[in-house]
Amino acid sequence: MFPDLVVVRADVQGYIFDILEPHDPSRKDNYPKAVGLAKFAEKHLDKFGRIQLIRQKKGLDGREHFYRLDMAKVAVRNKVRGITSNEELDRIFDTDAERED
């Protein structure tokens, strides 16, 4: 997998690298990409600031928002690692994704 965005940002301790993967939920490779990202985060999170799978979808307010699955969270990674379909990933986005306004 090649992530769409690798962001480099600086803080007082040096550089921080983020992997941000915005992805269209209608694509067939959604859940395999999510599983791979979760497994990658499990092994390499100590080298990155953020590792996130991102979607744009309508919120409860009827407006479009970005929703992020944060692979730094063990509970999210554990759920994602065990999925075998896009429908399961959709449910995880519904329950665990953080909305960005």
C-alpha atoms as a PDB file:
ATOM      1  CA  MET A   1       0.000   0.000   0.000  1.00  0.00           C
ATOM      2  CA  PHE A   2       1.126   3.515  -0.758  1.00  0.00           C
ATOM      3  CA  PRO A   3      -0.679   6.055   1.453  1.00  0.00           C
ATOM      4  CA  ASP A   4      -2.155   9.125  -0.151  1.00  0.00           C
ATOM      5  CA  LEU A   5      -0.576  11.490   2.353  1.00  0.00           C
ATOM      6  CA  VAL A   6       2.620  11.356   4.337  1.00  0.00           C
ATOM      7  CA  VAL A   7       2.717  14.567   6.318  1.00  0.00           C
ATOM      8  CA  VAL A   8       5.899  15.858   7.925  1.00  0.00           C
ATOM      9  CA  ARG A   9       5.495  18.366  10.692  1.00  0.00           C
ATOM     10  CA  ALA A  10       7.917  19.833  13.204  1.00  0.00           C
ATOM     11  CA  ASP A  11       7.662  20.313  16.924  1.00  0.00           C
ATOM     12  CA  VAL A  12      10.194  21.206  19.622  1.00  0.00           C
ATOM     13  CA  GLN A  13      11.595  17.642  19.624  1.00  0.00           C
ATOM     14  CA  GLY A  14      12.079  17.382  15.860  1.00  0.00           C
ATOM     15  CA  TYR A  15      10.062  16.018  12.952  1.00  0.00           C
ATOM     16  CA  ILE A  16       6.869  13.987  13.219  1.00  0.00           C
ATOM     17  CA  PHE A  17       5.612  11.834  10.346  1.00  0.00           C
ATOM     18  CA  ASP A  18       1.918  11.142   9.839  1.00  0.00           C
ATOM     19  CA  ILE A  19       0.279   8.627   7.514  1.00  0.00           C
ATOM     20  CA  LEU A  20      -3.160   9.810   6.442  1.00  0.00           C
ATOM     21  CA  GLU A  21      -5.188   7.657   4.068  1.00  0.00           C
ATOM     22  CA  PRO A  22      -8.385   9.263   2.755  1.00  0.00           C
ATOM     23  CA  HIS A  23     -10.329   6.543   1.004  1.00  0.00           C
ATOM     24  CA  ASP A  24     -13.561   6.276  -0.946  1.00  0.00           C
ATOM     25  CA  PRO A  25     -15.836   3.817   0.928  1.00  0.00           C
ATOM     26  CA  SER A  26     -17.265   2.449  -2.319  1.00  0.00           C
ATOM     27  CA  ARG A  27     -13.942   0.896  -3.396  1.00  0.00           C
ATOM     28  CA  LYS A  28     -13.501  -2.847  -3.070  1.00  0.00           C
ATOM     29  CA  ASP A  29     -10.064  -2.515  -1.447  1.00  0.00           C
ATOM     30  CA  ASN A  30     -11.408  -0.654   1.570  1.00  0.00           C
ATOM     31  CA  TYR A  31     -11.279  -3.348   4.190  1.00  0.00           C
ATOM     32  CA  PRO A  32      -7.963  -4.937   3.064  1.00  0.00           C
ATOM     33  CA  LYS A  33      -6.370  -1.491   3.131  1.00  0.00           C
ATOM     34  CA  ALA A  34      -7.751  -0.863   6.626  1.00  0.00           C
ATOM     35  CA  VAL A  35      -6.497  -4.229   7.895  1.00  0.00           C
ATOM     36  CA  GLY A  36      -3.046  -3.557   6.448  1.00  0.00           C
ATOM     37  CA  LEU A  37      -2.933  -0.103   8.005  1.00  0.00           C
ATOM     38  CA  ALA A  38      -3.909  -1.529  11.408  1.00  0.00           C
ATOM     39  CA  LYS A  39      -1.194  -4.191  11.193  1.00  0.00           C
ATOM     40  CA  PHE A  40       1.352  -1.601  10.078  1.00  0.00           C
ATOM     41  CA  ALA A  41       0.411   0.674  12.992  1.00  0.00           C
ATOM     42  CA  GLU A  42       0.788  -2.181  15.435  1.00  0.00           C
ATOM     43  CA  LYS A  43       4.391  -2.707  14.350  1.00  0.00           C
ATOM     44  CA  HIS A  44       5.510   0.846  13.589  1.00  0.00           C
ATOM     45  CA  LEU A  45       3.373   3.290  15.568  1.00  0.00           C
ATOM     46  CA  ASP A  46       6.379   4.322  17.646  1.00  0.00           C
ATOM     47  CA  LYS A  47       7.872   5.942  14.517  1.00  0.00           C
ATOM     48  CA  PHE A  48       4.802   7.986  13.531  1.00  0.00           C
ATOM     49  CA  GLY A  49       2.597  10.703  14.960  1.00  0.00           C
ATOM     50  CA  ARG A  50      -0.724   9.738  13.390  1.00  0.00           C
ATOM     51  CA  ILE A  51      -1.814   6.772  11.313  1.00  0.00           C
ATOM     52  CA  GLN A  52      -5.404   7.275  10.175  1.00  0.00           C
ATOM     53  CA  LEU A  53      -7.909   5.968   7.659  1.00  0.00           C
ATOM     54  CA  ILE A  54     -10.193   8.838   6.626  1.00  0.00           C
ATOM     55  CA  ARG A  55     -13.618   9.023   4.999  1.00  0.00           C
ATOM     56  CA  GLN A  56     -15.940  11.815   4.059  1.00  0.00           C
ATOM     57  CA  LYS A  57     -19.601  11.139   4.802  1.00  0.00           C
ATOM     58  CA  LYS A  58     -22.762  12.804   5.992  1.00  0.00           C
ATOM     59  CA  GLY A  59     -23.092  13.331   9.692  1.00  0.00           C
ATOM     60  CA  LEU A  60     -26.221  13.326  11.807  1.00  0.00           C
ATOM     61  CA  ASP A  61     -26.571  17.018  10.960  1.00  0.00           C
ATOM     62  CA  GLY A  62     -26.951  16.144   7.246  1.00  0.00           C
ATOM     63  CA  ARG A  63     -23.674  17.838   6.299  1.00  0.00           C
ATOM     64  CA  GLU A  64     -20.477  16.275   4.966  1.00  0.00           C
ATOM     65  CA  HIS A  65     -17.673  15.765   7.474  1.00  0.00           C
ATOM     66  CA  PHE A  66     -14.383  13.916   7.597  1.00  0.00           C
ATOM     67  CA  TYR A  67     -14.284  10.872   9.875  1.00  0.00           C
ATOM     68  CA  ARG A  68     -11.011   9.340  11.014  1.00  0.00           C
ATOM     69  CA  LEU A  69     -10.182   5.889  12.325  1.00  0.00           C
ATOM     70  CA  ASP A  70      -7.184   6.439  14.559  1.00  0.00           C
ATOM     71  CA  MET A  71      -4.916   3.406  14.318  1.00  0.00           C
ATOM     72  CA  ALA A  72      -2.999   4.614  17.374  1.00  0.00           C
ATOM     73  CA  LYS A  73      -5.918   3.359  19.471  1.00  0.00           C
ATOM     74  CA  VAL A  74      -5.530  -0.296  20.406  1.00  0.00           C
ATOM     75  CA  ALA A  75      -9.300  -0.867  20.480  1.00  0.00           C
ATOM     76  CA  VAL A  76      -9.667   0.449  16.915  1.00  0.00           C
ATOM     77  CA  ARG A  77      -6.745  -1.632  15.640  1.00  0.00           C
ATOM     78  CA  ASN A  78      -8.128  -4.766  17.287  1.00  0.00           C
ATOM     79  CA  LYS A  79     -11.529  -4.282  15.680  1.00  0.00           C
ATOM     80  CA  VAL A  80     -10.100  -3.497  12.243  1.00  0.00           C
ATOM     81  CA  ARG A  81      -7.609  -6.377  12.194  1.00  0.00           C
ATOM     82  CA  GLY A  82     -10.411  -8.930  12.438  1.00  0.00           C
ATOM     83  CA  ILE A  83     -12.695  -7.689   9.662  1.00  0.00           C
ATOM     84  CA  THR A  84     -13.360  -9.535   6.414  1.00  0.00           C
ATOM     85  CA  SER A  85     -15.694  -7.171   4.544  1.00  0.00           C
ATOM     86  CA  ASN A  86     -16.359  -3.540   3.700  1.00  0.00           C
ATOM     87  CA  GLU A  87     -19.641  -3.747   5.617  1.00  0.00           C
ATOM     88  CA  GLU A  88     -17.741  -4.550   8.819  1.00  0.00           C
ATOM     89  CA  LEU A  89     -15.453  -1.586   8.208  1.00  0.00           C
ATOM     90  CA  ASP A  90     -18.514   0.627   7.663  1.00  0.00           C
ATOM     91  CA  ARG A  91     -19.806  -0.395  11.101  1.00  0.00           C
ATOM     92  CA  ILE A  92     -16.467   0.425  12.719  1.00  0.00           C
ATOM     93  CA  PHE A  93     -16.554   3.857  11.109  1.00  0.00           C
ATOM     94  CA  ASP A  94     -20.075   4.295  12.529  1.00  0.00           C
ATOM     95  CA  THR A  95     -19.028   3.371  16.074  1.00  0.00           C
ATOM     96  CA  ASP A  96     -15.372   4.397  16.400  1.00  0.00           C
ATOM     97  CA  ALA A  97     -14.476   7.116  13.912  1.00  0.00           C
ATOM     98  CA  GLU A  98     -13.771  10.600  15.183  1.00  0.00           C
ATOM     99  CA  ARG A  99     -15.455  13.425  13.317  1.00  0.00           C
ATOM    100  CA  GLU A 100     -13.376  16.364  12.205  1.00  0.00           C
ATOM    101  CA  ASP A 101     -15.217  19.629  11.655  1.00  0.00           C
END
